[in-house]
Amino acid sequence: MQTSYFTIGIIILLALALVIWLVIRNLKDEKDFEKDNIDSSLVEPKDPEIE
């Protein structure tokens, strides 16, 4: 069986690019989620009389 190192290299590069893209996207989504949580807590303060 012959191994095509060129094909294996391309597959590894594509997999690495996919992992990097997913990590960057996750970090961006996490920042947006935290920003939304902080903004909503500032806009709607909790009323202690309700509890």
C-alpha atoms as a PDB file:
ATOM      1  CA  MET A   1       0.000   0.000   0.000  1.00  0.00           C
ATOM      2  CA  GLN A   2       1.386   3.371  -1.009  1.00  0.00           C
ATOM      3  CA  THR A   3       0.990   6.357   1.252  1.00  0.00           C
ATOM      4  CA  SER A   4       0.332   9.693  -0.375  1.00  0.00           C
ATOM      5  CA  TYR A   5       1.987  12.112   2.021  1.00  0.00           C
ATOM      6  CA  PHE A   6       0.723  15.070   0.011  1.00  0.00           C
ATOM      7  CA  THR A   7      -2.913  14.020   0.512  1.00  0.00           C
ATOM      8  CA  ILE A   8      -2.349  13.276   4.201  1.00  0.00           C
ATOM      9  CA  GLY A   9      -0.710  16.701   4.612  1.00  0.00           C
ATOM     10  CA  ILE A  10      -3.663  18.478   3.018  1.00  0.00           C
ATOM     11  CA  ILE A  11      -6.149  16.582   5.204  1.00  0.00           C
ATOM     12  CA  ILE A  12      -4.163  17.434   8.343  1.00  0.00           C
ATOM     13  CA  LEU A  13      -3.986  21.103   7.328  1.00  0.00           C
ATOM     14  CA  LEU A  14      -7.739  21.231   6.689  1.00  0.00           C
ATOM     15  CA  ALA A  15      -8.480  19.559  10.022  1.00  0.00           C
ATOM     16  CA  LEU A  16      -6.179  21.998  11.823  1.00  0.00           C
ATOM     17  CA  ALA A  17      -7.837  24.960  10.089  1.00  0.00           C
ATOM     18  CA  LEU A  18     -11.260  23.638  11.130  1.00  0.00           C
ATOM     19  CA  VAL A  19     -10.191  23.307  14.769  1.00  0.00           C
ATOM     20  CA  ILE A  20      -8.703  26.816  14.829  1.00  0.00           C
ATOM     21  CA  TRP A  21     -11.844  28.264  13.210  1.00  0.00           C
ATOM     22  CA  LEU A  22     -14.081  26.533  15.762  1.00  0.00           C
ATOM     23  CA  VAL A  23     -11.991  27.779  18.709  1.00  0.00           C
ATOM     24  CA  ILE A  24     -12.006  31.379  17.452  1.00  0.00           C
ATOM     25  CA  ARG A  25     -15.762  31.230  16.808  1.00  0.00           C
ATOM     26  CA  ASN A  26     -16.380  29.793  20.276  1.00  0.00           C
ATOM     27  CA  LEU A  27     -14.345  32.559  21.934  1.00  0.00           C
ATOM     28  CA  LYS A  28     -16.281  35.215  20.009  1.00  0.00           C
ATOM     29  CA  ASP A  29     -19.636  33.666  20.945  1.00  0.00           C
ATOM     30  CA  GLU A  30     -18.571  33.416  24.588  1.00  0.00           C
ATOM     31  CA  LYS A  31     -17.625  37.121  24.669  1.00  0.00           C
ATOM     32  CA  ASP A  32     -20.968  38.073  23.098  1.00  0.00           C
ATOM     33  CA  PHE A  33     -22.831  35.894  25.623  1.00  0.00           C
ATOM     34  CA  GLU A  34     -21.022  37.465  28.584  1.00  0.00           C
ATOM     35  CA  LYS A  35     -21.622  40.947  27.186  1.00  0.00           C
ATOM     36  CA  ASP A  36     -25.358  40.240  26.849  1.00  0.00           C
ATOM     37  CA  ASN A  37     -25.539  38.951  30.431  1.00  0.00           C
ATOM     38  CA  ILE A  38     -23.738  41.995  31.807  1.00  0.00           C
ATOM     39  CA  ASP A  39     -25.905  44.427  29.797  1.00  0.00           C
ATOM     40  CA  SER A  40     -29.185  42.813  30.826  1.00  0.00           C
ATOM     41  CA  SER A  41     -28.245  42.880  34.508  1.00  0.00           C
ATOM     42  CA  LEU A  42     -27.476  46.596  34.276  1.00  0.00           C
ATOM     43  CA  VAL A  43     -30.675  47.432  32.409  1.00  0.00           C
ATOM     44  CA  GLU A  44     -33.015  45.423  34.656  1.00  0.00           C
ATOM     45  CA  PRO A  45     -31.942  45.826  38.288  1.00  0.00           C
ATOM     46  CA  LYS A  46     -33.512  43.368  40.717  1.00  0.00           C
ATOM     47  CA  ASP A  47     -36.077  44.761  43.102  1.00  0.00           C
ATOM     48  CA  PRO A  48     -35.474  43.447  46.651  1.00  0.00           C
ATOM     49  CA  GLU A  49     -39.172  43.920  47.603  1.00  0.00           C
ATOM     50  CA  ILE A  50     -40.285  41.321  45.045  1.00  0.00           C
ATOM     51  CA  GLU A  51     -38.243  38.540  46.673  1.00  0.00           C
END
